[in-house]
Amino acid sequence: MKNTSKLSLQQLLLTFALLFLFNLIGNKYFHRFDLTQDKRYTLSATSLTIVKEIEEPLYVDVYLEGDFPGEFKKLQTETQQLLEEFKAHNSNIIFQFTNPLENDDKSMGKAKELVGKGLTPISITVDDKGKQSQEMVFPWAIVRYNNKEVKIPLLKNMMGASTEQKVISSVQHLEYAFANGLNTVSKIKQKKVAILKGNKELPDIYMADFIKQVRENYFIGPFTLDSVAKKPKETLLALKKYDLTIIAKPQEKFSDEEKQVLDQYLLNGGKVIWLVDQVHAEMDSLTHSGSTLAYPNDLNLNDFFFKYGLRITSELIKDEYAIPIKLASGEQGSNTSYQQYLWKFSPFVYPESSHPIVKNMEGIKFEFANPIEVLKNPTKKTILLRSSQNSRTIGAPVEINLNMVQQKSNMSEYVNKGSIPVAVLVEGNFKSVYQNRILPFVDPTFLNESSKASKMIYIADGDVVKNQLDKDGMPLELGFDKWTNNLYGNKEFMMNCVNYLLDDNGLINIRSKEVNLPILDKEKVYQNYSKTQIITVGMPLMLLLIFGLVFTYIRKKTYSK
């Protein structure tokens, strides 16, 4: 007995010693095992770097709490598990899930406060065995760090998509959304963005929401080329201090001196986003008078674009997959009614590319878009956005009038004419437009060829970045159409373009992550409700009962001898 007790004590002490040793090793060497096939809980190196560099408490308030249907429950669970993964790597990350509508006495006040911050609620249908009810949900999170705050949308807005499709896309987007939010509040601004002026570009009021969003991560300011005529070298030197230049819907020709400045800016490593209209046509004048003349807009940039491997032609794209517009019908005055029509000169472009800029993104609104021809040259070109298969080009000049909404579609006119590029990314080592040409101005630092790779994005529609104004003349959110109350993906697309061109740590590449999210098929469940209950509830109980009976029988048989 003494030997047995001594052996038991030794085993107990050895067990405690091993547990103590494993605990020490676990504290020193941290590791989490991800056994999922798609590695959904394995954070990217970029996310880990952002998380580990947070040195003070960072608070995350998630408003996705409550009794939700299966799809939203999945989004809630995935969000919680991602934040737990963040917290496991850095205890300074503190998060909580709250239901802003839980307290009936204070819910309306809290809801107004969240809406005031731009956290728009959505209405979801809760379906319980055929009984439906409507619930309001705030699928948002707010990240607070020191004195900075940023809002994070948890549910992607995808027009025409089912809730299940939205949730799957949102889950794939979660890591990027939170990593970008954490990066925004915790990092000090470094990169500088210039909004080019001087060639009748979009006024700031029509870019206000975009500028506001860019300002959260980067320094941004206007830059004019007016001084090029007198001080071209000084203008180029000043422009080189900016990391990115955005040229939004210019209406006036570029001089050769201005083009040389932009050419040398690019060859010195500067990035450019071009939003260009090669055809002049405006919805404002069309809706005011009922018709307008669309005519070519000569910006003196054809040779400039051709050298970099592109051509934006002076044509309009007519697309059957289009944005709806509201037009008055019936009697005028108090009895006026409004009806929606598809406006085929406003393509509704859904990204098909798997490039990080546009992957898992909702549709983007275009307005009088032009086709882009991709030419052969050494630079790498990626088509980001295309019109639909049922689209074609119309030459300019041409008269456009609102009566066109009543024209019947002839699908034969679109055969083999669709899928027209409207946004293209160009990357590589560029050669100067003025190579082997007489220079508009003498510059001792002139480069014939870039020494390092650079990037540009061409968007054949200046209105992609244009926000509407409310009745008081205040800017609305970019992508929101006040006439139809639809929200398009223009803002996310433009911000992804900016982030991709300026992103040195690969944050935008997190958008390429694939997550396979199995969702329960409700229809099949309702059709086989009793059978499903027996399989999911009855069978486990039956197996447990059988195991208990077998175990009891074996135990009795063993110890009854």
Protein backbone atom coordinates (compact mmCIF):
# COMPACT_ATOMS: atom_id res chain seq x y z
CA MET A 1 0.00 0.00 0.00
CA LYS A 2 2.86 2.35 0.86
CA ASN A 3 4.50 1.67 -2.49
CA THR A 4 1.21 2.33 -4.29
CA SER A 5 0.67 5.62 -2.39
CA LYS A 6 4.24 6.69 -3.07
CA LEU A 7 3.84 5.91 -6.79
CA SER A 8 0.55 7.85 -6.94
CA LEU A 9 2.18 10.85 -5.25
CA GLN A 10 5.08 10.76 -7.69
CA GLN A 11 2.66 10.63 -10.64
CA LEU A 12 0.69 13.55 -9.19
CA LEU A 13 3.83 15.65 -8.70
CA LEU A 14 5.04 14.75 -12.18
CA THR A 15 1.67 15.81 -13.64
CA PHE A 16 1.83 19.18 -11.83
CA ALA A 17 5.43 19.66 -12.97
CA LEU A 18 4.51 18.95 -16.60
CA LEU A 19 1.50 21.28 -16.43
CA PHE A 20 3.70 24.02 -14.93
CA LEU A 21 6.31 23.48 -17.66
CA PHE A 22 3.72 23.54 -20.46
CA ASN A 23 2.27 26.73 -18.99
CA LEU A 24 5.68 28.43 -19.02
CA ILE A 25 6.28 27.34 -22.61
CA GLY A 26 2.77 28.49 -23.62
CA ASN A 27 3.35 31.95 -22.14
CA LYS A 28 6.66 32.32 -23.96
CA TYR A 29 5.75 30.73 -27.30
CA PHE A 30 2.25 31.71 -28.46
CA HIS A 31 0.52 29.80 -31.24
CA ARG A 32 -3.06 29.16 -32.32
CA PHE A 33 -3.98 26.24 -34.53
CA ASP A 34 -6.35 26.85 -37.44
CA LEU A 35 -7.83 23.53 -38.55
CA THR A 36 -10.31 25.03 -41.06
CA GLN A 37 -9.79 24.09 -44.69
CA ASP A 38 -9.87 27.71 -45.93
CA LYS A 39 -7.68 28.99 -43.02
CA ARG A 40 -10.29 31.61 -42.22
CA TYR A 41 -8.89 32.20 -38.71
CA THR A 42 -5.28 32.61 -39.86
CA LEU A 43 -4.53 36.32 -39.92
CA SER A 44 -2.43 37.71 -42.74
CA ALA A 45 1.05 39.04 -42.00
CA THR A 46 -0.21 42.58 -42.65
CA SER A 47 -3.06 42.25 -40.15
CA LEU A 48 -0.71 40.80 -37.52
CA THR A 49 1.70 43.71 -37.97
CA ILE A 50 -1.10 46.27 -37.55
CA VAL A 51 -2.52 44.47 -34.48
CA LYS A 52 0.82 44.00 -32.71
CA GLU A 53 1.81 47.68 -33.11
CA ILE A 54 -1.19 48.90 -31.06
CA GLU A 55 0.39 50.09 -27.81
CA GLU A 56 -2.62 51.54 -25.95
CA PRO A 57 -6.16 50.30 -25.31
CA LEU A 58 -8.22 50.19 -28.51
CA TYR A 59 -11.99 49.83 -28.13
CA VAL A 60 -14.33 48.16 -30.62
CA ASP A 61 -18.10 48.56 -30.21
CA VAL A 62 -20.01 46.09 -32.37
CA TYR A 63 -23.75 46.77 -32.75
CA LEU A 64 -24.52 43.33 -34.14
CA GLU A 65 -26.20 41.85 -31.08
CA GLY A 66 -29.64 40.30 -30.81
CA ASP A 67 -31.78 37.40 -31.92
CA PHE A 68 -31.01 37.19 -35.63
CA PRO A 69 -31.86 34.73 -38.40
CA GLY A 70 -29.23 32.17 -39.37
CA GLU A 71 -27.38 34.29 -41.94
CA PHE A 72 -26.91 37.26 -39.58
CA LYS A 73 -26.05 34.92 -36.72
CA LYS A 74 -23.23 33.62 -38.90
CA LEU A 75 -21.98 37.15 -39.57
CA GLN A 76 -22.17 37.88 -35.84
CA THR A 77 -20.21 34.72 -34.98
CA GLU A 78 -17.53 35.33 -37.61
CA THR A 79 -17.10 38.92 -36.41
CA GLN A 80 -16.69 37.79 -32.81
CA GLN A 81 -14.20 35.08 -33.73
CA LEU A 82 -12.11 37.52 -35.78
CA LEU A 83 -11.99 40.02 -32.91
CA GLU A 84 -11.07 37.22 -30.50
CA GLU A 85 -8.20 36.38 -32.84
CA PHE A 86 -7.07 40.03 -32.77
CA LYS A 87 -7.30 40.11 -28.98
CA ALA A 88 -5.34 36.85 -28.65
CA HIS A 89 -2.41 38.57 -30.36
CA ASN A 90 -2.75 41.87 -28.50
CA SER A 91 -4.61 42.27 -25.21
CA ASN A 92 -4.91 46.04 -25.83
CA ILE A 93 -7.79 45.30 -28.19
CA ILE A 94 -11.02 45.41 -26.20
CA PHE A 95 -14.33 44.69 -27.85
CA GLN A 96 -17.97 44.36 -26.86
CA PHE A 97 -21.21 43.46 -28.65
CA THR A 98 -24.20 45.63 -27.84
CA ASN A 99 -27.78 45.90 -29.04
CA PRO A 100 -28.62 49.62 -29.44
CA LEU A 101 -32.34 48.79 -29.55
CA GLU A 102 -32.41 46.56 -26.47
CA ASN A 103 -33.68 49.21 -24.06
CA ASP A 104 -37.08 50.43 -25.29
CA ASP A 105 -36.85 53.68 -23.31
CA LYS A 106 -33.50 54.70 -24.80
CA SER A 107 -33.49 52.84 -28.10
CA MET A 108 -34.82 55.68 -30.27
CA GLY A 109 -32.32 58.14 -28.85
CA LYS A 110 -29.46 55.70 -29.41
CA ALA A 111 -30.69 54.90 -32.91
CA LYS A 112 -30.76 58.62 -33.81
CA GLU A 113 -27.25 59.03 -32.42
CA LEU A 114 -25.94 56.17 -34.58
CA VAL A 115 -27.74 57.43 -37.69
CA GLY A 116 -26.22 60.85 -37.02
CA LYS A 117 -22.78 59.24 -37.18
CA GLY A 118 -23.60 57.72 -40.55
CA LEU A 119 -24.44 54.23 -39.28
CA THR A 120 -27.46 53.46 -41.44
CA PRO A 121 -29.72 50.67 -40.13
CA ILE A 122 -31.26 47.99 -42.30
CA SER A 123 -34.53 46.12 -41.98
CA ILE A 124 -34.34 42.33 -41.97
CA THR A 125 -37.07 39.72 -42.19
CA VAL A 126 -37.11 37.18 -39.38
CA ASP A 127 -38.80 34.03 -40.68
CA ASP A 128 -39.83 31.47 -38.07
CA LYS A 129 -41.53 28.48 -39.72
CA GLY A 130 -43.44 30.69 -42.13
CA LYS A 131 -44.20 33.50 -39.63
CA GLN A 132 -42.42 36.67 -40.71
CA SER A 133 -41.57 39.79 -38.74
CA GLN A 134 -39.44 42.85 -39.45
CA GLU A 135 -36.47 43.82 -37.29
CA MET A 136 -34.15 46.84 -37.52
CA VAL A 137 -30.43 46.03 -37.34
CA PHE A 138 -27.27 48.16 -37.19
CA PRO A 139 -24.61 46.03 -38.94
CA TRP A 140 -21.78 48.35 -37.92
CA ALA A 141 -18.80 48.59 -35.61
CA ILE A 142 -17.00 51.64 -34.25
CA VAL A 143 -13.27 51.54 -33.48
CA ARG A 144 -11.88 54.10 -30.99
CA TYR A 145 -8.19 54.70 -30.31
CA ASN A 146 -6.91 57.74 -28.40
CA ASN A 147 -8.96 60.61 -29.84
CA LYS A 148 -9.69 59.01 -33.21
CA GLU A 149 -12.80 57.11 -34.23
CA VAL A 150 -13.72 55.20 -37.38
CA LYS A 151 -16.87 53.35 -38.41
CA ILE A 152 -16.72 49.90 -40.02
CA PRO A 153 -19.60 48.47 -42.10
CA LEU A 154 -20.08 44.77 -41.37
CA LEU A 155 -22.66 44.03 -44.06
CA LYS A 156 -21.81 44.82 -47.67
CA ASN A 157 -24.45 46.56 -49.74
CA MET A 158 -25.05 44.44 -52.86
CA MET A 159 -28.10 45.46 -54.88
CA GLY A 160 -30.19 42.52 -56.02
CA ALA A 161 -28.23 40.01 -53.94
CA SER A 162 -29.86 37.73 -51.40
CA THR A 163 -29.08 38.08 -47.69
CA GLU A 164 -27.09 34.87 -47.90
CA GLN A 165 -24.91 36.25 -50.72
CA LYS A 166 -24.40 39.51 -48.83
CA VAL A 167 -23.31 37.68 -45.69
CA ILE A 168 -20.84 35.46 -47.55
CA SER A 169 -19.29 38.48 -49.27
CA SER A 170 -19.24 40.39 -45.96
CA VAL A 171 -17.46 37.58 -44.10
CA GLN A 172 -14.79 37.47 -46.81
CA HIS A 173 -14.40 41.23 -46.35
CA LEU A 174 -14.26 41.24 -42.53
CA GLU A 175 -10.50 40.97 -41.97
CA TYR A 176 -9.76 43.75 -44.45
CA ALA A 177 -12.50 45.97 -42.99
CA PHE A 178 -11.19 45.67 -39.42
CA ALA A 179 -7.49 45.73 -40.35
CA ASN A 180 -8.08 48.89 -42.39
CA GLY A 181 -10.07 50.44 -39.54
CA LEU A 182 -7.36 49.64 -36.98
CA ASN A 183 -4.72 50.97 -39.36
CA THR A 184 -6.69 54.20 -39.84
CA VAL A 185 -7.01 55.03 -36.13
CA SER A 186 -3.55 53.83 -35.02
CA LYS A 187 -1.20 55.04 -37.76
CA ILE A 188 0.15 58.54 -38.27
CA LYS A 189 -0.54 60.02 -41.71
CA GLN A 190 2.45 59.98 -44.05
CA LYS A 191 1.36 59.85 -47.71
CA LYS A 192 0.18 62.99 -49.56
CA VAL A 193 -2.58 63.16 -52.18
CA ALA A 194 -3.01 66.01 -54.66
CA ILE A 195 -6.37 66.94 -56.23
CA LEU A 196 -5.39 68.51 -59.54
CA LYS A 197 -6.92 71.88 -60.44
CA GLY A 198 -6.58 74.32 -63.33
CA ASN A 199 -8.23 72.43 -66.20
CA LYS A 200 -11.85 72.86 -65.08
CA GLU A 201 -11.93 69.69 -62.98
CA LEU A 202 -14.83 68.79 -60.70
CA PRO A 203 -15.49 71.43 -58.02
CA ASP A 204 -14.67 70.33 -54.46
CA ILE A 205 -18.34 70.33 -53.42
CA TYR A 206 -18.94 67.40 -55.82
CA MET A 207 -15.95 65.52 -54.42
CA ALA A 208 -16.56 66.42 -50.77
CA ASP A 209 -17.44 62.94 -49.49
CA PHE A 210 -14.50 61.35 -51.30
CA ILE A 211 -12.08 64.00 -50.03
CA LYS A 212 -13.41 63.54 -46.49
CA GLN A 213 -12.83 59.78 -46.68
CA VAL A 214 -9.31 60.12 -48.12
CA ARG A 215 -8.41 62.60 -45.38
CA GLU A 216 -8.86 59.89 -42.73
CA ASN A 217 -5.68 58.12 -43.91
CA TYR A 218 -3.72 60.62 -45.99
CA PHE A 219 -2.82 64.27 -46.26
CA ILE A 220 -4.83 65.76 -49.14
CA GLY A 221 -4.86 69.15 -50.80
CA PRO A 222 -5.49 70.97 -54.11
CA PHE A 223 -2.68 71.43 -56.60
CA THR A 224 -2.94 73.75 -59.58
CA LEU A 225 -0.98 73.62 -62.84
CA ASP A 226 -1.60 77.32 -63.54
CA SER A 227 2.02 78.17 -62.74
CA VAL A 228 3.38 75.74 -65.37
CA ALA A 229 3.39 78.42 -68.09
CA LYS A 230 5.86 80.61 -66.15
CA LYS A 231 7.59 78.20 -63.74
CA PRO A 232 7.35 74.65 -65.11
CA LYS A 233 10.39 73.24 -63.28
CA GLU A 234 9.28 74.67 -59.93
CA THR A 235 5.77 73.27 -60.50
CA LEU A 236 7.18 69.80 -61.22
CA LEU A 237 9.38 69.97 -58.12
CA ALA A 238 6.35 70.85 -55.98
CA LEU A 239 4.20 68.09 -57.51
CA LYS A 240 6.91 65.47 -56.82
CA LYS A 241 6.25 65.95 -53.10
CA TYR A 242 2.87 64.25 -53.54
CA ASP A 243 2.60 60.46 -53.66
CA LEU A 244 -0.66 60.39 -55.65
CA THR A 245 -2.40 62.81 -57.99
CA ILE A 246 -6.12 62.56 -58.77
CA ILE A 247 -7.35 64.17 -61.98
CA ALA A 248 -11.16 64.24 -61.84
CA LYS A 249 -13.19 65.12 -64.92
CA PRO A 250 -11.09 67.84 -66.60
CA GLN A 251 -12.98 69.90 -69.20
CA GLU A 252 -10.12 72.02 -70.57
CA LYS A 253 -7.22 70.99 -72.80
CA PHE A 254 -3.86 70.18 -71.23
CA SER A 255 -0.94 72.13 -72.63
CA ASP A 256 2.27 70.36 -73.65
CA GLU A 257 4.04 71.91 -70.65
CA GLU A 258 1.40 70.52 -68.29
CA LYS A 259 1.67 67.11 -69.93
CA GLN A 260 5.45 67.10 -69.50
CA VAL A 261 5.04 67.90 -65.80
CA LEU A 262 2.61 64.98 -65.37
CA ASP A 263 4.83 62.72 -67.50
CA GLN A 264 7.92 63.41 -65.39
CA TYR A 265 5.92 63.15 -62.16
CA LEU A 266 4.92 59.62 -63.17
CA LEU A 267 8.46 58.64 -64.24
CA ASN A 268 9.75 59.81 -60.87
CA GLY A 269 7.47 57.37 -59.04
CA GLY A 270 4.27 59.39 -58.70
CA LYS A 271 0.92 57.58 -58.96
CA VAL A 272 -2.08 58.93 -60.92
CA ILE A 273 -5.84 58.26 -61.01
CA TRP A 274 -7.39 59.54 -64.22
CA LEU A 275 -11.18 60.09 -64.30
CA VAL A 276 -11.73 61.31 -67.83
CA ASP A 277 -14.75 62.11 -70.01
CA GLN A 278 -13.86 61.85 -73.70
CA VAL A 279 -17.44 62.84 -74.56
CA HIS A 280 -19.12 65.88 -73.07
CA ALA A 281 -22.62 64.96 -71.81
CA GLU A 282 -24.27 65.98 -68.54
CA MET A 283 -27.34 64.53 -66.80
CA ASP A 284 -28.14 67.93 -65.26
CA SER A 285 -28.65 69.60 -68.65
CA LEU A 286 -30.49 66.53 -69.95
CA THR A 287 -33.04 66.46 -67.11
CA HIS A 288 -33.48 70.24 -67.31
CA SER A 289 -34.26 70.48 -71.03
CA GLY A 290 -35.13 66.88 -71.94
CA SER A 291 -32.35 66.56 -74.51
CA THR A 292 -28.68 67.36 -74.94
CA LEU A 293 -25.95 67.08 -77.54
CA ALA A 294 -23.13 64.69 -76.63
CA TYR A 295 -19.95 65.78 -78.40
CA PRO A 296 -16.24 64.81 -78.22
CA ASN A 297 -14.24 66.38 -75.41
CA ASP A 298 -10.73 67.06 -76.74
CA LEU A 299 -8.34 67.17 -73.79
CA ASN A 300 -5.14 66.85 -75.87
CA LEU A 301 -4.31 63.62 -74.02
CA ASN A 302 -4.60 61.02 -76.80
CA ASP A 303 -0.84 60.76 -77.41
CA PHE A 304 -0.28 60.79 -73.66
CA PHE A 305 -2.56 57.79 -73.05
CA PHE A 306 -1.38 55.99 -76.21
CA LYS A 307 2.23 55.98 -74.97
CA TYR A 308 1.14 54.22 -71.79
CA GLY A 309 -0.80 51.56 -73.71
CA LEU A 310 -4.40 52.83 -73.72
CA ARG A 311 -6.87 54.70 -75.87
CA ILE A 312 -10.09 56.25 -74.55
CA THR A 313 -12.33 56.75 -77.56
CA SER A 314 -14.90 59.50 -78.10
CA GLU A 315 -17.90 57.19 -77.89
CA LEU A 316 -20.66 56.49 -75.37
CA ILE A 317 -21.55 53.09 -73.93
CA LYS A 318 -25.18 52.00 -74.12
CA ASP A 319 -25.84 49.15 -71.69
CA GLU A 320 -28.99 47.11 -71.04
CA TYR A 321 -27.73 46.47 -67.50
CA ALA A 322 -28.23 50.04 -66.38
CA ILE A 323 -29.08 52.42 -63.55
CA PRO A 324 -32.75 53.36 -63.03
CA ILE A 325 -33.82 57.00 -63.20
CA LYS A 326 -37.10 58.59 -62.11
CA LEU A 327 -39.07 60.63 -64.62
CA ALA A 328 -42.33 62.52 -64.23
CA SER A 329 -45.35 61.00 -65.94
CA GLY A 330 -49.04 61.84 -66.14
CA GLU A 331 -50.48 65.25 -65.34
CA GLN A 332 -48.25 68.10 -64.23
CA GLY A 333 -48.68 69.81 -60.86
CA SER A 334 -49.88 68.22 -57.65
CA ASN A 335 -51.01 65.07 -59.50
CA THR A 336 -47.59 64.43 -61.03
CA SER A 337 -46.45 60.86 -60.63
CA TYR A 338 -42.96 59.47 -61.08
CA GLN A 339 -41.93 56.25 -62.72
CA GLN A 340 -38.59 54.45 -62.85
CA TYR A 341 -36.94 53.68 -66.17
CA LEU A 342 -33.62 52.10 -67.02
CA TRP A 343 -31.25 54.77 -68.31
CA LYS A 344 -29.02 52.82 -70.69
CA PHE A 345 -26.33 55.52 -70.82
CA SER A 346 -25.63 54.89 -67.12
CA PRO A 347 -24.10 51.38 -66.99
CA PHE A 348 -24.44 49.49 -63.73
CA VAL A 349 -21.07 47.73 -63.61
CA TYR A 350 -20.60 44.67 -61.42
CA PRO A 351 -16.92 43.71 -60.99
CA GLU A 352 -15.98 40.32 -62.40
CA SER A 353 -12.23 40.59 -61.84
CA SER A 354 -10.57 38.88 -58.86
CA HIS A 355 -8.14 41.79 -58.44
CA PRO A 356 -8.02 43.06 -54.81
CA ILE A 357 -9.30 46.50 -55.86
CA VAL A 358 -12.69 45.18 -56.99
CA LYS A 359 -13.05 41.70 -55.50
CA ASN A 360 -16.28 41.11 -53.51
CA MET A 361 -17.54 44.59 -54.33
CA GLU A 362 -21.05 45.80 -55.04
CA GLY A 363 -22.04 47.36 -58.38
CA ILE A 364 -20.71 50.76 -59.45
CA LYS A 365 -22.69 53.53 -61.06
CA PHE A 366 -21.35 55.06 -64.28
CA GLU A 367 -22.79 58.01 -66.19
CA PHE A 368 -22.05 58.53 -69.89
CA ALA A 369 -19.06 56.19 -69.79
CA ASN A 370 -16.53 55.85 -72.61
CA PRO A 371 -14.81 52.69 -73.88
CA ILE A 372 -11.13 52.03 -73.17
CA GLU A 373 -9.04 50.21 -75.77
CA VAL A 374 -6.12 48.25 -74.29
CA LEU A 375 -3.04 48.40 -76.54
CA LYS A 376 0.02 46.21 -76.65
CA ASN A 377 3.13 47.55 -74.93
CA PRO A 378 5.50 46.34 -72.17
CA THR A 379 3.41 47.68 -69.27
CA LYS A 380 1.10 45.35 -67.34
CA LYS A 381 -2.57 46.18 -67.79
CA THR A 382 -5.42 44.80 -65.67
CA ILE A 383 -9.02 45.43 -66.68
CA LEU A 384 -10.81 46.22 -63.41
CA LEU A 385 -14.30 46.96 -64.72
CA ARG A 386 -16.26 46.12 -67.87
CA SER A 387 -19.73 46.88 -69.13
CA SER A 388 -22.15 43.96 -69.41
CA GLN A 389 -22.37 41.52 -72.31
CA ASN A 390 -25.45 43.39 -73.55
CA SER A 391 -23.74 46.68 -74.28
CA ARG A 392 -22.34 48.52 -77.29
CA THR A 393 -20.79 51.84 -78.26
CA ILE A 394 -22.44 54.87 -79.90
CA GLY A 395 -20.32 57.45 -81.72
CA ALA A 396 -20.33 61.16 -80.88
CA PRO A 397 -21.59 63.73 -81.64
CA VAL A 398 -25.08 62.41 -81.03
CA GLU A 399 -28.32 63.83 -79.62
CA ILE A 400 -29.43 62.26 -76.34
CA ASN A 401 -33.01 62.73 -75.12
CA LEU A 402 -35.12 61.32 -72.31
CA ASN A 403 -37.62 59.77 -74.72
CA MET A 404 -35.01 57.09 -75.36
CA VAL A 405 -36.16 55.32 -72.17
CA GLN A 406 -39.26 54.15 -74.07
CA GLN A 407 -37.32 52.58 -76.92
CA LYS A 408 -37.66 48.82 -77.09
CA SER A 409 -34.50 46.77 -76.80
CA ASN A 410 -33.16 44.94 -79.81
CA MET A 411 -30.78 42.36 -78.34
CA SER A 412 -29.30 41.51 -81.74
CA GLU A 413 -27.50 44.86 -81.82
CA TYR A 414 -25.38 43.81 -78.82
CA VAL A 415 -24.04 40.52 -80.24
CA ASN A 416 -20.24 40.33 -79.79
CA LYS A 417 -20.06 44.01 -78.86
CA GLY A 418 -20.27 43.93 -75.05
CA SER A 419 -17.82 43.55 -72.15
CA ILE A 420 -16.22 46.93 -72.88
CA PRO A 421 -13.41 48.01 -70.50
CA VAL A 422 -14.25 51.15 -68.50
CA ALA A 423 -11.54 51.03 -65.79
CA VAL A 424 -7.97 49.78 -66.28
CA LEU A 425 -4.96 49.51 -63.97
CA VAL A 426 -1.56 50.11 -65.65
CA GLU A 427 1.64 49.07 -63.87
CA GLY A 428 5.30 48.90 -64.84
CA ASN A 429 8.30 50.95 -65.91
CA PHE A 430 7.04 53.76 -68.09
CA LYS A 431 8.76 55.52 -70.97
CA SER A 432 8.36 59.25 -71.43
CA VAL A 433 5.79 60.59 -73.86
CA TYR A 434 8.47 63.07 -74.94
CA GLN A 435 11.20 60.52 -75.58
CA ASN A 436 13.04 61.51 -78.79
CA ARG A 437 10.85 64.61 -79.10
CA ILE A 438 11.46 68.30 -78.64
CA LEU A 439 10.66 69.14 -75.03
CA PRO A 440 8.03 71.79 -74.27
CA PHE A 441 10.44 73.15 -71.65
CA VAL A 442 14.08 72.38 -70.86
CA ASP A 443 14.58 70.35 -67.70
CA PRO A 444 18.06 69.11 -66.68
CA THR A 445 16.43 66.34 -64.57
CA PHE A 446 14.36 65.01 -67.51
CA LEU A 447 13.92 61.21 -67.55
CA ASN A 448 13.40 59.22 -70.74
CA GLU A 449 12.44 56.13 -68.78
CA SER A 450 11.34 55.52 -65.20
CA SER A 451 13.96 54.04 -62.90
CA LYS A 452 11.33 52.28 -60.76
CA ALA A 453 7.91 50.83 -61.41
CA SER A 454 4.86 53.02 -60.97
CA LYS A 455 1.07 52.68 -61.31
CA MET A 456 -1.89 54.48 -62.84
CA ILE A 457 -5.61 53.81 -62.92
CA TYR A 458 -7.75 54.99 -65.84
CA ILE A 459 -11.51 55.38 -65.32
CA ALA A 460 -13.43 56.40 -68.43
CA ASP A 461 -16.04 58.45 -66.58
CA GLY A 462 -15.41 61.54 -64.46
CA ASP A 463 -18.72 61.14 -62.62
CA VAL A 464 -17.67 57.95 -60.80
CA VAL A 465 -16.17 60.15 -58.06
CA LYS A 466 -18.99 62.72 -58.08
CA ASN A 467 -21.40 62.91 -55.14
CA GLN A 468 -24.88 64.43 -55.35
CA LEU A 469 -26.11 67.39 -53.27
CA ASP A 470 -29.18 67.48 -51.05
CA LYS A 471 -31.89 70.16 -51.26
CA ASP A 472 -29.80 72.47 -49.07
CA GLY A 473 -26.74 72.13 -51.30
CA MET A 474 -24.87 69.84 -48.90
CA PRO A 475 -22.91 66.86 -50.26
CA LEU A 476 -24.44 63.39 -49.95
CA GLU A 477 -22.50 60.15 -49.57
CA LEU A 478 -20.59 59.16 -52.69
CA GLY A 479 -22.54 56.47 -54.53
CA PHE A 480 -25.93 57.45 -53.07
CA ASP A 481 -28.63 58.33 -55.60
CA LYS A 482 -31.18 60.65 -53.97
CA TRP A 483 -33.72 60.07 -56.76
CA THR A 484 -33.99 56.31 -56.29
CA ASN A 485 -32.49 55.97 -52.76
CA ASN A 486 -30.04 53.37 -54.07
CA LEU A 487 -26.49 53.18 -52.73
CA TYR A 488 -23.83 52.06 -55.22
CA GLY A 489 -20.24 50.95 -54.68
CA ASN A 490 -18.52 54.07 -56.04
CA LYS A 491 -17.06 55.12 -52.70
CA GLU A 492 -15.54 51.74 -51.91
CA PHE A 493 -14.17 51.46 -55.45
CA MET A 494 -12.50 54.88 -55.34
CA MET A 495 -11.03 54.27 -51.89
CA ASN A 496 -9.72 50.87 -52.99
CA CYS A 497 -8.03 52.57 -55.95
CA VAL A 498 -6.35 55.09 -53.64
CA ASN A 499 -5.34 52.44 -51.10
CA TYR A 500 -3.93 50.13 -53.76
CA LEU A 501 -1.76 52.84 -55.34
CA LEU A 502 -0.45 54.06 -51.97
CA ASP A 503 -0.42 50.81 -50.02
CA ASP A 504 3.16 49.77 -49.25
CA ASN A 505 2.31 47.14 -46.63
CA GLY A 506 -0.08 45.10 -48.78
CA LEU A 507 -3.21 45.86 -46.73
CA ILE A 508 -5.44 45.91 -49.82
CA ASN A 509 -4.31 42.38 -50.73
CA ILE A 510 -6.27 41.00 -47.75
CA ARG A 511 -9.33 41.47 -49.97
CA SER A 512 -8.15 38.45 -51.99
CA LYS A 513 -8.86 36.11 -49.09
CA GLU A 514 -11.38 33.36 -49.87
CA VAL A 515 -13.73 32.05 -47.18
CA ASN A 516 -16.03 29.09 -47.82
CA LEU A 517 -19.06 29.79 -45.68
CA PRO A 518 -21.69 27.01 -45.53
CA ILE A 519 -25.19 28.44 -45.04
CA LEU A 520 -28.22 26.36 -44.07
CA ASP A 521 -30.83 26.02 -46.83
CA LYS A 522 -34.03 27.21 -45.13
CA GLU A 523 -36.33 25.93 -47.86
CA LYS A 524 -35.06 22.38 -47.51
CA VAL A 525 -35.31 22.62 -43.72
CA TYR A 526 -38.96 23.75 -43.86
CA GLN A 527 -39.86 21.06 -46.38
CA ASN A 528 -38.36 18.34 -44.17
CA TYR A 529 -38.82 19.96 -40.76
CA SER A 530 -39.75 16.79 -38.81
CA LYS A 531 -37.08 14.73 -40.51
CA THR A 532 -34.49 17.42 -39.79
CA GLN A 533 -35.48 17.52 -36.12
CA ILE A 534 -35.12 13.74 -35.83
CA ILE A 535 -31.67 13.81 -37.48
CA THR A 536 -30.29 16.81 -35.56
CA VAL A 537 -31.89 16.18 -32.15
CA GLY A 538 -33.23 12.63 -32.01
CA MET A 539 -30.24 10.77 -33.45
CA PRO A 540 -27.65 12.19 -31.00
CA LEU A 541 -29.95 11.29 -28.07
CA MET A 542 -30.52 7.81 -29.51
CA LEU A 543 -26.77 7.24 -29.93
CA LEU A 544 -26.16 8.47 -26.37
CA LEU A 545 -28.85 6.08 -25.06
CA ILE A 546 -27.37 3.12 -26.97
CA PHE A 547 -23.89 3.96 -25.71
CA GLY A 548 -25.21 4.15 -22.13
CA LEU A 549 -26.96 0.79 -22.37
CA VAL A 550 -23.93 -0.93 -23.93
CA PHE A 551 -21.58 0.63 -21.39
CA THR A 552 -23.83 -0.45 -18.47
CA TYR A 553 -24.12 -3.98 -19.86
CA ILE A 554 -20.35 -4.35 -20.32
CA ARG A 555 -19.67 -2.92 -16.85
CA LYS A 556 -22.13 -5.32 -15.18
CA LYS A 557 -20.74 -8.26 -17.09
CA THR A 558 -17.17 -7.35 -16.16
CA TYR A 559 -17.68 -6.77 -12.41
CA SER A 560 -20.33 -9.47 -11.75
CA LYS A 561 -17.77 -12.25 -12.05
